[in-house]
Amino acid sequence: MTANRAAESALSDEGMVFLPPRRSGLIVHTALSSLFLGGSAFAFWSAVRIGEGGYFVLFLMLALTLLPLSALTVYRGYALLRAAYFLERNGLRIRWGLRMEDIPLNEIDWLRTAGALKLPFAALPGAVLGSRHQAELGEVEFLAADARRLLLVGTVRGVFAISPADPSAFIGAFRRVAEMGSLEMLKPFSARPAMYLRTVWNDRAARWLTLTGLGSTLALFTLAALAIPQRESVSLGFDMRGMPHEPLPAVQLLLLPTLAALIWGMDVLLGLYLYRSPRRRPVAYLLWAGGALTPLLLLGALAFIL
C-alpha cells in the first residue's frame, strides 16, 4: 500500500478502515454552516435594529429559519468527519453519524462499482445520504461522500451505496477477506437517527423536559402576539438607576419568544448529542431543564412588563 493510500485506509488487527473523501465535503459544510449561522445572527441583529413593522417580523422569522439549517449542516459535517467503513474478516461495519450498520460477511451477496444512479434529494459533496429507488436495484441507501466514487454493496437486507476514498483498494481488500473466510460472524445490527430519537422519546424525563420547553415557548409566542395589538409601546428592562428604559414599539415583545426558541433549540440539540453517552446524560438532562426553565422565566418577565 502506498503512503497516500495509508493515509486513507489504516490497517488494524481486526481488518481495514476505509475513510470516505472528506476535504471537499468539509469545506462545503463549513461554508454552509457559517453562512446559515451568520445569516441567522445578522437577521436577529437587523430585527433588533429595525424595531418595528413588517421587516421586524420578517427578520425574526428568517433568524429562526436559518438556525435549524445551520444545525443540520454542522451535524452533517461532524458525521462526515467521523464516518468510516470497517472491513473485517467477520463482515462490514458502516459508521456515519448516528447511522450505523453491521453486515455479516455471509449476508453480503455482491460488491461492484456503481453505474449511473439517481442520487438522493439534496445530495451535497460530503453528504450523499438517503434512499432512492433505482430501476434495476430497487431501494438503495446512500452512505457516501462522493457520487463519483460509489460502490454498491448488495446484501440480504438491501443495497448500500458507499464511497471509500480508494474504491479499487476496497474491492481488493474485500476479495482477500472473502477468500480468507470469517472467524466469527458479526451480529447483524442497524441503528438509524429515527431509532435514536425514539429511544430519547421513550425516556420520560427527557420527553417531559423537552415538551415543557416547547410548550412554554409556544405559550410565550401566543401571549406576546396577543399583547402587541393592545399596546403601542413597552419598556424592556431597567437602567443602572432602576428606572425603566425608554419605551419601544410593542412589536419588540416578539424578541422574548424568539430568544426562548433559540435557547430551547440549542439546548435540545446539545442534549441529544450528549445523551448518547451514559456518563454525559446528567448534563443532557441539565440542558433540557435549562431549555424548559428559560421560557418559563421569560413568561414571568412578559407578565411583569404587561
Protein backbone atom coordinates (compact mmCIF):
# COMPACT_ATOMS: atom_id res chain seq x y z
CA MET A 1 0.00 0.00 0.00
CA THR A 2 1.40 3.46 -0.91
CA ALA A 3 1.89 6.29 1.59
CA ASN A 4 -1.10 8.15 0.15
CA ARG A 5 -3.37 5.16 0.49
CA ALA A 6 -2.13 4.54 4.01
CA ALA A 7 -3.45 7.96 4.95
CA GLU A 8 -6.89 6.97 3.72
CA SER A 9 -7.03 3.32 4.77
CA ALA A 10 -5.45 2.31 8.06
CA LEU A 11 -4.59 -1.32 8.72
CA SER A 12 -5.66 -2.71 12.09
CA ASP A 13 -5.59 -6.10 13.76
CA GLU A 14 -9.28 -6.61 13.03
CA GLY A 15 -9.25 -5.53 9.40
CA MET A 16 -9.02 -2.36 7.39
CA VAL A 17 -10.54 1.05 7.98
CA PHE A 18 -11.52 2.89 4.80
CA LEU A 19 -12.38 6.57 5.07
CA PRO A 20 -14.62 8.48 2.66
CA PRO A 21 -13.11 11.51 0.86
CA ARG A 22 -13.56 14.39 3.28
CA ARG A 23 -11.86 17.54 2.08
CA SER A 24 -14.43 18.98 -0.33
CA GLY A 25 -17.33 17.92 1.89
CA LEU A 26 -15.87 19.57 4.98
CA ILE A 27 -15.21 22.77 3.03
CA VAL A 28 -18.80 22.85 1.72
CA HIS A 29 -20.39 22.11 5.08
CA THR A 30 -18.18 24.56 6.97
CA ALA A 31 -19.09 27.28 4.47
CA LEU A 32 -22.81 26.47 4.59
CA SER A 33 -22.99 26.27 8.38
CA SER A 34 -21.10 29.58 8.67
CA LEU A 35 -23.42 31.15 6.11
CA PHE A 36 -26.59 29.94 7.85
CA LEU A 37 -25.36 30.80 11.35
CA GLY A 38 -24.06 34.18 10.27
CA GLY A 39 -27.29 34.88 8.39
CA SER A 40 -29.33 33.98 11.46
CA ALA A 41 -27.26 36.28 13.68
CA PHE A 42 -27.47 39.09 11.11
CA ALA A 43 -31.24 38.67 10.77
CA PHE A 44 -31.70 38.79 14.55
CA TRP A 45 -29.48 41.88 14.81
CA SER A 46 -31.39 43.53 11.96
CA ALA A 47 -34.70 42.83 13.69
CA VAL A 48 -33.45 44.44 16.89
CA ARG A 49 -32.13 47.44 14.95
CA ILE A 50 -35.32 47.96 12.93
CA GLY A 51 -37.52 47.58 15.98
CA GLU A 52 -40.97 47.63 14.36
CA GLY A 53 -43.03 46.95 11.28
CA GLY A 54 -43.24 44.08 8.86
CA TYR A 55 -39.49 43.86 8.33
CA PHE A 56 -39.01 43.34 12.06
CA VAL A 57 -41.20 40.22 12.00
CA LEU A 58 -39.67 39.08 8.69
CA PHE A 59 -36.12 39.22 10.05
CA LEU A 60 -37.15 37.38 13.22
CA MET A 61 -38.70 34.57 11.18
CA LEU A 62 -35.61 34.45 8.98
CA ALA A 63 -33.39 34.10 12.06
CA LEU A 64 -35.49 31.21 13.35
CA THR A 65 -35.48 29.50 9.93
CA LEU A 66 -31.73 29.70 9.31
CA LEU A 67 -30.69 28.39 12.72
CA PRO A 68 -32.01 24.80 12.20
CA LEU A 69 -30.36 24.75 8.76
CA SER A 70 -27.08 25.66 10.42
CA ALA A 71 -27.53 22.87 12.98
CA LEU A 72 -28.23 20.37 10.19
CA THR A 73 -25.10 21.29 8.22
CA VAL A 74 -22.97 21.18 11.38
CA TYR A 75 -24.28 17.67 12.12
CA ARG A 76 -23.62 16.50 8.56
CA GLY A 77 -20.09 17.89 8.68
CA TYR A 78 -19.48 16.18 12.01
CA ALA A 79 -20.92 12.92 10.68
CA LEU A 80 -18.57 13.11 7.67
CA LEU A 81 -15.61 13.72 9.95
CA ARG A 82 -16.41 10.57 11.94
CA ALA A 83 -17.57 8.42 9.01
CA ALA A 84 -15.70 5.19 8.19
CA TYR A 85 -16.11 1.77 6.58
CA PHE A 86 -14.61 -1.06 8.65
CA LEU A 87 -13.90 -4.14 6.55
CA GLU A 88 -13.13 -7.22 8.68
CA ARG A 89 -12.98 -10.96 8.17
CA ASN A 90 -16.29 -11.13 10.03
CA GLY A 91 -18.10 -8.56 7.92
CA LEU A 92 -18.54 -4.88 7.13
CA ARG A 93 -19.26 -2.10 9.61
CA ILE A 94 -20.54 1.24 8.31
CA ARG A 95 -20.46 4.28 10.59
CA TRP A 96 -21.96 7.62 9.53
CA GLY A 97 -23.02 9.89 12.36
CA LEU A 98 -25.96 8.32 14.17
CA ARG A 99 -26.37 5.84 11.29
CA MET A 100 -24.66 2.52 11.95
CA GLU A 101 -24.86 -0.74 10.05
CA ASP A 102 -23.10 -4.05 10.81
CA ILE A 103 -23.34 -6.59 7.97
CA PRO A 104 -22.04 -10.15 8.49
CA LEU A 105 -19.84 -11.43 5.68
CA ASN A 106 -22.27 -14.22 4.77
CA GLU A 107 -25.02 -11.62 4.21
CA ILE A 108 -23.04 -9.76 1.54
CA ASP A 109 -24.10 -11.16 -1.84
CA TRP A 110 -22.01 -8.97 -4.13
CA LEU A 111 -19.86 -5.86 -4.41
CA ARG A 112 -19.37 -3.79 -7.55
CA THR A 113 -18.80 -0.29 -8.83
CA ALA A 114 -21.89 1.82 -9.44
CA GLY A 115 -23.08 2.99 -12.79
CA ALA A 116 -25.42 5.91 -13.34
CA LEU A 117 -27.63 6.20 -10.28
CA LYS A 118 -30.34 8.61 -9.23
CA LEU A 119 -28.90 10.41 -6.24
CA PRO A 120 -30.87 11.26 -3.08
CA PHE A 121 -32.53 14.64 -2.96
CA ALA A 122 -30.37 17.47 -1.57
CA ALA A 123 -27.17 15.44 -2.06
CA LEU A 124 -24.07 17.57 -1.45
CA PRO A 125 -20.33 16.90 -1.54
CA GLY A 126 -19.64 15.11 1.72
CA ALA A 127 -23.29 14.19 2.26
CA VAL A 128 -24.70 11.87 -0.38
CA LEU A 129 -27.20 10.48 2.10
CA GLY A 130 -30.66 8.99 2.00
CA SER A 131 -32.52 6.38 -0.01
CA ARG A 132 -33.55 6.43 -3.66
CA HIS A 133 -35.33 3.82 -5.76
CA GLN A 134 -33.29 2.58 -8.72
CA ALA A 135 -34.77 0.85 -11.76
CA GLU A 136 -32.82 -2.44 -11.54
CA LEU A 137 -31.73 -2.42 -7.90
CA GLY A 138 -34.81 -1.31 -6.05
CA GLU A 139 -34.29 0.84 -2.97
CA VAL A 140 -30.65 1.89 -2.50
CA GLU A 141 -29.46 3.56 0.70
CA PHE A 142 -26.61 6.03 0.20
CA LEU A 143 -23.98 6.41 2.92
CA ALA A 144 -21.42 8.22 0.83
CA ALA A 145 -19.46 11.43 0.43
CA ASP A 146 -18.63 11.47 -3.29
CA ALA A 147 -21.07 10.46 -6.04
CA ARG A 148 -18.13 9.81 -8.41
CA ARG A 149 -16.61 7.01 -6.27
CA LEU A 150 -19.65 4.95 -5.42
CA LEU A 151 -19.52 1.24 -4.71
CA LEU A 152 -22.65 -0.86 -4.36
CA VAL A 153 -22.87 -3.48 -1.63
CA GLY A 154 -25.66 -5.98 -2.20
CA THR A 155 -26.89 -7.68 0.97
CA VAL A 156 -29.85 -9.74 2.09
CA ARG A 157 -31.20 -6.59 3.78
CA GLY A 158 -30.85 -4.31 0.78
CA VAL A 159 -28.31 -2.41 -1.30
CA PHE A 160 -25.95 0.17 0.17
CA ALA A 161 -24.01 2.79 -1.80
CA ILE A 162 -20.70 3.72 -0.16
CA SER A 163 -17.74 5.84 -1.26
CA PRO A 164 -14.34 4.80 0.11
CA ALA A 165 -11.61 7.24 -0.94
CA ASP A 166 -9.90 4.41 -2.86
CA PRO A 167 -12.62 2.16 -4.34
CA SER A 168 -10.17 -0.21 -6.05
CA ALA A 169 -8.30 -0.80 -2.77
CA PHE A 170 -11.61 -1.50 -1.04
CA ILE A 171 -12.61 -4.03 -3.71
CA GLY A 172 -9.23 -5.75 -3.47
CA ALA A 173 -9.42 -5.91 0.31
CA PHE A 174 -12.96 -7.32 0.14
CA ARG A 175 -11.83 -10.10 -2.21
CA ARG A 176 -9.00 -11.02 0.16
CA VAL A 177 -11.37 -11.04 3.12
CA ALA A 178 -13.86 -13.22 1.23
CA GLU A 179 -11.10 -15.69 0.33
CA MET A 180 -9.88 -15.94 3.94
CA GLY A 181 -13.37 -16.55 5.27
CA SER A 182 -14.75 -15.33 8.57
CA LEU A 183 -13.60 -16.34 12.04
CA GLU A 184 -16.84 -15.41 13.75
CA MET A 185 -19.77 -13.74 12.01
CA LEU A 186 -20.76 -10.25 13.04
CA LYS A 187 -24.12 -9.91 14.69
CA PRO A 188 -26.42 -8.01 12.35
CA PHE A 189 -27.01 -4.52 13.70
CA SER A 190 -28.72 -1.42 12.39
CA ALA A 191 -29.09 1.97 14.07
CA ARG A 192 -30.83 4.92 12.47
CA PRO A 193 -31.31 8.51 13.72
CA ALA A 194 -35.06 7.91 13.97
CA MET A 195 -34.42 4.92 16.25
CA TYR A 196 -32.16 7.05 18.44
CA LEU A 197 -34.77 9.80 18.68
CA ARG A 198 -37.34 7.16 19.62
CA THR A 199 -35.04 5.97 22.40
CA VAL A 200 -34.77 9.52 23.75
CA TRP A 201 -38.53 10.00 23.43
CA ASN A 202 -39.15 6.87 25.48
CA ASP A 203 -37.13 8.42 28.33
CA ARG A 204 -39.87 10.03 30.43
CA ALA A 205 -37.65 12.73 31.94
CA ALA A 206 -36.22 13.71 28.55
CA ARG A 207 -39.68 13.75 26.97
CA TRP A 208 -41.28 15.95 29.61
CA LEU A 209 -38.39 18.39 29.85
CA THR A 210 -38.31 18.98 26.09
CA LEU A 211 -42.11 19.19 25.83
CA THR A 212 -42.25 21.64 28.73
CA GLY A 213 -39.74 23.88 26.98
CA LEU A 214 -41.60 23.65 23.67
CA GLY A 215 -45.00 24.29 25.24
CA SER A 216 -43.72 27.25 27.26
CA THR A 217 -42.08 28.76 24.17
CA LEU A 218 -45.30 28.43 22.15
CA ALA A 219 -47.25 29.96 25.04
CA LEU A 220 -44.78 32.85 25.10
CA PHE A 221 -45.23 33.42 21.36
CA THR A 222 -49.03 33.34 21.78
CA LEU A 223 -49.15 35.77 24.71
CA ALA A 224 -46.72 38.18 23.03
CA ALA A 225 -48.76 38.11 19.81
CA LEU A 226 -51.96 38.79 21.76
CA ALA A 227 -50.37 41.62 23.76
CA ILE A 228 -48.89 43.52 20.82
CA PRO A 229 -52.19 44.89 19.39
CA GLN A 230 -53.19 46.09 22.86
CA ARG A 231 -50.18 48.38 23.31
CA GLU A 232 -48.31 50.89 21.21
CA SER A 233 -45.08 50.73 23.20
CA VAL A 234 -43.44 48.83 26.04
CA SER A 235 -40.34 49.28 28.19
CA LEU A 236 -37.91 46.38 28.17
CA GLY A 237 -35.63 46.35 31.20
CA PHE A 238 -34.23 48.92 33.59
CA ASP A 239 -31.20 51.20 33.61
CA MET A 240 -28.46 51.36 36.25
CA ARG A 241 -30.65 53.56 38.48
CA GLY A 242 -33.52 51.08 38.41
CA MET A 243 -35.62 53.25 36.10
CA PRO A 244 -37.45 51.75 33.10
CA HIS A 245 -35.76 52.14 29.70
CA GLU A 246 -37.27 54.35 27.05
CA PRO A 247 -40.46 52.81 25.58
CA LEU A 248 -40.05 50.78 22.42
CA PRO A 249 -42.62 49.65 19.81
CA ALA A 250 -44.75 46.86 21.27
CA VAL A 251 -43.83 44.54 18.41
CA GLN A 252 -40.43 44.11 20.06
CA LEU A 253 -42.13 41.82 22.59
CA LEU A 254 -41.55 39.14 19.96
CA LEU A 255 -37.87 39.27 20.93
CA LEU A 256 -38.72 37.35 24.12
CA PRO A 257 -40.23 34.23 22.48
CA THR A 258 -37.59 34.36 19.73
CA LEU A 259 -34.83 34.31 22.35
CA ALA A 260 -36.62 31.46 24.17
CA ALA A 261 -36.93 29.46 20.93
CA LEU A 262 -33.23 29.90 20.10
CA ILE A 263 -32.13 28.79 23.57
CA TRP A 264 -34.56 25.85 23.64
CA GLY A 265 -33.42 24.66 20.21
CA MET A 266 -29.72 24.81 21.09
CA ASP A 267 -30.32 23.04 24.41
CA VAL A 268 -32.28 20.25 22.71
CA LEU A 269 -29.60 19.68 20.06
CA LEU A 270 -26.71 19.70 22.53
CA GLY A 271 -28.67 17.43 24.84
CA LEU A 272 -29.27 14.93 22.03
CA TYR A 273 -25.55 14.86 21.32
CA LEU A 274 -24.60 14.30 24.97
CA TYR A 275 -27.37 11.78 25.70
CA ARG A 276 -25.59 9.11 23.64
CA SER A 277 -23.04 8.62 26.43
CA PRO A 278 -24.46 7.34 29.75
CA ARG A 279 -21.77 9.32 31.60
CA ARG A 280 -22.93 12.57 29.98
CA ARG A 281 -26.66 12.06 30.32
CA PRO A 282 -26.91 14.15 33.52
CA VAL A 283 -25.52 17.08 31.51
CA ALA A 284 -28.12 16.44 28.79
CA TYR A 285 -30.89 16.50 31.39
CA LEU A 286 -29.46 19.74 32.77
CA LEU A 287 -29.50 21.33 29.33
CA TRP A 288 -33.08 20.23 28.70
CA ALA A 289 -34.08 21.58 32.12
CA GLY A 290 -32.49 24.91 31.16
CA GLY A 291 -34.40 24.87 27.89
CA ALA A 292 -37.63 24.36 29.86
CA LEU A 293 -36.84 26.94 32.54
CA THR A 294 -35.84 29.79 30.23
CA PRO A 295 -39.26 30.31 28.55
CA LEU A 296 -40.94 29.99 31.94
CA LEU A 297 -38.76 32.81 33.29
CA LEU A 298 -39.46 34.87 30.17
CA LEU A 299 -43.18 34.26 30.65
CA GLY A 300 -42.80 35.78 34.11
CA ALA A 301 -40.89 38.71 32.58
CA LEU A 302 -43.64 39.22 29.99
CA ALA A 303 -46.29 39.21 32.69
CA PHE A 304 -44.27 41.80 34.65
CA ILE A 305 -43.85 44.02 31.57
CA LEU A 306 -47.56 43.92 30.81
